[in-house]
Amino acid sequence: MQTLTGKNIFLRALEPEDLDFLYLLENDETIWEVSETQVPYSRYILREYLRNSHKDIYEVKQLRLAISGLDNTLLGFIDLFDFCPKNKRAGVGIVILDDQKRNKGVGTEALGLLMDYAFAHLGLHQLYANIAADNTASIRLFSNLGFEKAGVKKDWNFSGGHFRDELLFQKIKK
């Protein structure tokens, strides 16, 4: 598991003990815009999700990993989604729920570990991220790790009574 272990954090498979944190995350209306969620999730549904989270990325086309501090504190989640082995690409999403842990290098380290894993172990050629045009923290995170802005999706998301642009960022393996 060296690929998924960094200096201050490690990425791990989901555990049943993550249920409470996952429940808070999936039912936080402030981030529903990012996940395109519009309804709350029950503990039952999330428990079933955790029960099935061991399934292979080639089968379910996604992988969610927990971001943990070296003291095993759960800090957030990082996802590969829309995994496409034929075209060797996947989308990336990351969330750090605790405001106290944001802008402290956790996201940078987690994304760096996931990139290494995706390129080395999954053989991906590229990763991409969809980022709200006004999400300066995410733009900075992905840009600092070599993702380049590839395009603008005009009026892509409807939120707060307004249409908002979404940016497409890509990281192509050199």
Protein backbone atom coordinates (compact mmCIF):
# COMPACT_ATOMS: atom_id res chain seq x y z
CA MET A 1 0.00 0.00 0.00
CA GLN A 2 2.99 2.31 -0.42
CA THR A 3 1.41 4.03 -3.41
CA LEU A 4 -1.50 5.17 -1.26
CA THR A 5 0.56 6.35 1.73
CA GLY A 6 2.01 9.83 1.96
CA LYS A 7 3.87 11.88 4.57
CA ASN A 8 0.77 13.01 6.48
CA ILE A 9 -2.13 10.98 5.11
CA PHE A 10 -3.04 7.71 3.46
CA LEU A 11 -5.86 6.61 1.20
CA ARG A 12 -7.78 3.51 2.20
CA ALA A 13 -10.80 1.43 1.31
CA LEU A 14 -14.11 2.38 2.88
CA GLU A 15 -15.01 0.76 6.20
CA PRO A 16 -18.37 0.26 7.94
CA GLU A 17 -17.17 2.77 10.57
CA ASP A 18 -17.25 5.49 7.88
CA LEU A 19 -21.07 5.46 7.88
CA ASP A 20 -21.59 8.50 10.13
CA PHE A 21 -19.10 10.62 8.21
CA LEU A 22 -20.55 9.50 4.87
CA TYR A 23 -24.06 10.27 6.14
CA LEU A 24 -23.01 13.84 7.04
CA LEU A 25 -21.25 14.30 3.71
CA GLU A 26 -23.99 12.97 1.44
CA ASN A 27 -26.67 14.94 3.28
CA ASP A 28 -24.77 18.25 3.33
CA GLU A 29 -26.88 20.41 1.03
CA THR A 30 -24.02 22.87 0.53
CA ILE A 31 -22.17 20.30 -1.60
CA TRP A 32 -25.15 18.78 -3.42
CA GLU A 33 -24.38 21.05 -6.38
CA VAL A 34 -21.07 19.24 -6.91
CA SER A 35 -22.56 15.75 -6.76
CA GLU A 36 -25.80 16.66 -8.57
CA THR A 37 -27.71 15.29 -5.59
CA GLN A 38 -31.18 16.64 -4.85
CA VAL A 39 -32.47 14.33 -2.14
CA PRO A 40 -31.06 13.11 1.18
CA TYR A 41 -29.63 9.61 1.59
CA SER A 42 -30.80 7.28 4.36
CA ARG A 43 -28.40 5.42 6.63
CA TYR A 44 -29.79 2.19 5.16
CA ILE A 45 -28.85 3.16 1.58
CA LEU A 46 -25.41 4.34 2.67
CA ARG A 47 -24.86 1.14 4.69
CA GLU A 48 -25.66 -0.86 1.53
CA TYR A 49 -23.28 1.34 -0.45
CA LEU A 50 -20.51 0.63 2.07
CA ARG A 51 -21.34 -3.08 1.99
CA ASN A 52 -20.80 -3.07 -1.80
CA SER A 53 -17.86 -0.65 -1.94
CA HIS A 54 -15.39 -3.51 -2.34
CA LYS A 55 -16.51 -4.15 -5.91
CA ASP A 56 -13.88 -3.87 -8.60
CA ILE A 57 -13.45 -0.54 -10.41
CA TYR A 58 -13.63 -2.40 -13.72
CA GLU A 59 -17.12 -3.61 -12.77
CA VAL A 60 -18.67 -0.50 -11.20
CA LYS A 61 -16.60 2.14 -13.05
CA GLN A 62 -15.84 4.07 -9.86
CA LEU A 63 -13.66 3.96 -6.78
CA ARG A 64 -14.10 5.93 -3.58
CA LEU A 65 -11.25 6.01 -1.09
CA ALA A 66 -11.21 7.50 2.39
CA ILE A 67 -8.59 10.14 3.13
CA SER A 68 -7.17 9.37 6.57
CA GLY A 69 -4.63 11.09 8.75
CA LEU A 70 -1.75 8.91 9.92
CA ASP A 71 -3.60 8.72 13.26
CA ASN A 72 -6.54 7.11 11.37
CA THR A 73 -8.69 10.26 11.58
CA LEU A 74 -11.11 10.35 8.65
CA LEU A 75 -10.57 13.63 6.79
CA GLY A 76 -12.54 13.23 3.58
CA PHE A 77 -13.04 11.18 0.44
CA ILE A 78 -11.47 11.09 -3.00
CA ASP A 79 -13.15 9.44 -5.97
CA LEU A 80 -12.43 8.12 -9.40
CA PHE A 81 -15.63 8.10 -11.45
CA ASP A 82 -16.66 7.42 -15.04
CA PHE A 83 -13.70 5.04 -15.23
CA CYS A 84 -13.16 4.16 -18.89
CA PRO A 85 -10.49 1.47 -19.39
CA LYS A 86 -10.89 1.56 -23.18
CA ASN A 87 -9.91 5.23 -23.36
CA LYS A 88 -7.73 5.03 -20.23
CA ARG A 89 -9.35 7.92 -18.39
CA ALA A 90 -11.38 8.73 -15.28
CA GLY A 91 -12.89 11.72 -13.53
CA VAL A 92 -11.63 12.81 -10.12
CA GLY A 93 -13.58 14.29 -7.22
CA ILE A 94 -12.37 15.22 -3.76
CA VAL A 95 -14.00 16.56 -0.63
CA ILE A 96 -12.52 17.50 2.71
CA LEU A 97 -15.48 17.96 5.03
CA ASP A 98 -13.71 19.56 8.01
CA ASP A 99 -13.08 23.27 7.32
CA GLN A 100 -10.14 23.11 9.74
CA LYS A 101 -8.34 20.66 7.43
CA ARG A 102 -8.86 22.62 4.20
CA ASN A 103 -5.94 24.59 2.76
CA LYS A 104 -3.51 22.59 4.90
CA GLY A 105 -2.11 20.37 2.14
CA VAL A 106 -4.45 17.42 2.73
CA GLY A 107 -6.13 17.75 -0.67
CA THR A 108 -2.82 18.21 -2.46
CA GLU A 109 -1.33 15.12 -0.87
CA ALA A 110 -4.46 13.02 -1.45
CA LEU A 111 -4.78 14.05 -5.09
CA GLY A 112 -1.08 13.40 -5.67
CA LEU A 113 -1.40 9.89 -4.23
CA LEU A 114 -4.49 9.16 -6.30
CA MET A 115 -2.78 10.40 -9.46
CA ASP A 116 0.21 8.11 -8.83
CA TYR A 117 -2.13 5.17 -8.26
CA ALA A 118 -4.28 5.88 -11.32
CA PHE A 119 -1.32 6.29 -13.68
CA ALA A 120 0.91 3.51 -12.28
CA HIS A 121 -1.58 0.81 -11.21
CA LEU A 122 -4.63 1.43 -13.39
CA GLY A 123 -2.62 2.41 -16.45
CA LEU A 124 -4.66 5.53 -17.09
CA HIS A 125 -3.56 8.07 -19.68
CA GLN A 126 -5.56 10.96 -18.27
CA LEU A 127 -7.60 12.23 -15.36
CA TYR A 128 -10.12 15.03 -15.51
CA ALA A 129 -12.02 17.21 -13.07
CA ASN A 130 -15.20 19.24 -13.44
CA ILE A 131 -14.91 22.38 -11.31
CA ALA A 132 -17.35 25.24 -10.75
CA ALA A 133 -15.88 28.38 -12.31
CA ASP A 134 -16.07 30.21 -8.96
CA ASN A 135 -14.41 27.42 -6.94
CA THR A 136 -10.99 29.06 -6.68
CA ALA A 137 -9.68 26.61 -4.07
CA SER A 138 -10.32 23.59 -6.33
CA ILE A 139 -8.96 25.38 -9.39
CA ARG A 140 -5.77 26.14 -7.45
CA LEU A 141 -5.51 22.55 -6.14
CA PHE A 142 -5.83 20.90 -9.54
CA SER A 143 -3.71 23.53 -11.34
CA ASN A 144 -0.90 23.14 -8.80
CA LEU A 145 -0.77 19.42 -9.59
CA GLY A 146 -0.46 19.92 -13.33
CA PHE A 147 -4.09 19.80 -14.43
CA GLU A 148 -4.73 22.19 -17.29
CA LYS A 149 -7.94 24.02 -18.11
CA ALA A 150 -9.32 22.33 -21.23
CA GLY A 151 -12.62 24.15 -21.61
CA VAL A 152 -15.62 25.98 -20.22
CA LYS A 153 -19.09 24.48 -20.06
CA LYS A 154 -21.33 27.57 -20.24
CA ASP A 155 -24.39 27.72 -17.96
CA TRP A 156 -23.73 24.07 -17.06
CA ASN A 157 -25.13 23.91 -13.52
CA PHE A 158 -28.28 25.48 -12.12
CA SER A 159 -27.73 26.50 -8.50
CA GLY A 160 -29.09 29.22 -6.26
CA GLY A 161 -31.49 30.35 -8.94
CA HIS A 162 -28.72 30.93 -11.51
CA PHE A 163 -26.91 29.02 -14.20
CA ARG A 164 -23.19 28.77 -13.56
CA ASP A 165 -20.24 27.84 -15.70
CA GLU A 166 -18.23 24.70 -15.04
CA LEU A 167 -14.59 24.26 -16.05
CA LEU A 168 -13.02 21.10 -17.40
CA PHE A 169 -9.47 20.39 -16.20
CA GLN A 170 -7.30 17.54 -17.52
CA LYS A 171 -4.05 15.93 -16.48
CA ILE A 172 -2.49 13.86 -19.25
CA LYS A 173 0.25 11.43 -18.31
CA LYS A 174 3.55 12.43 -19.88
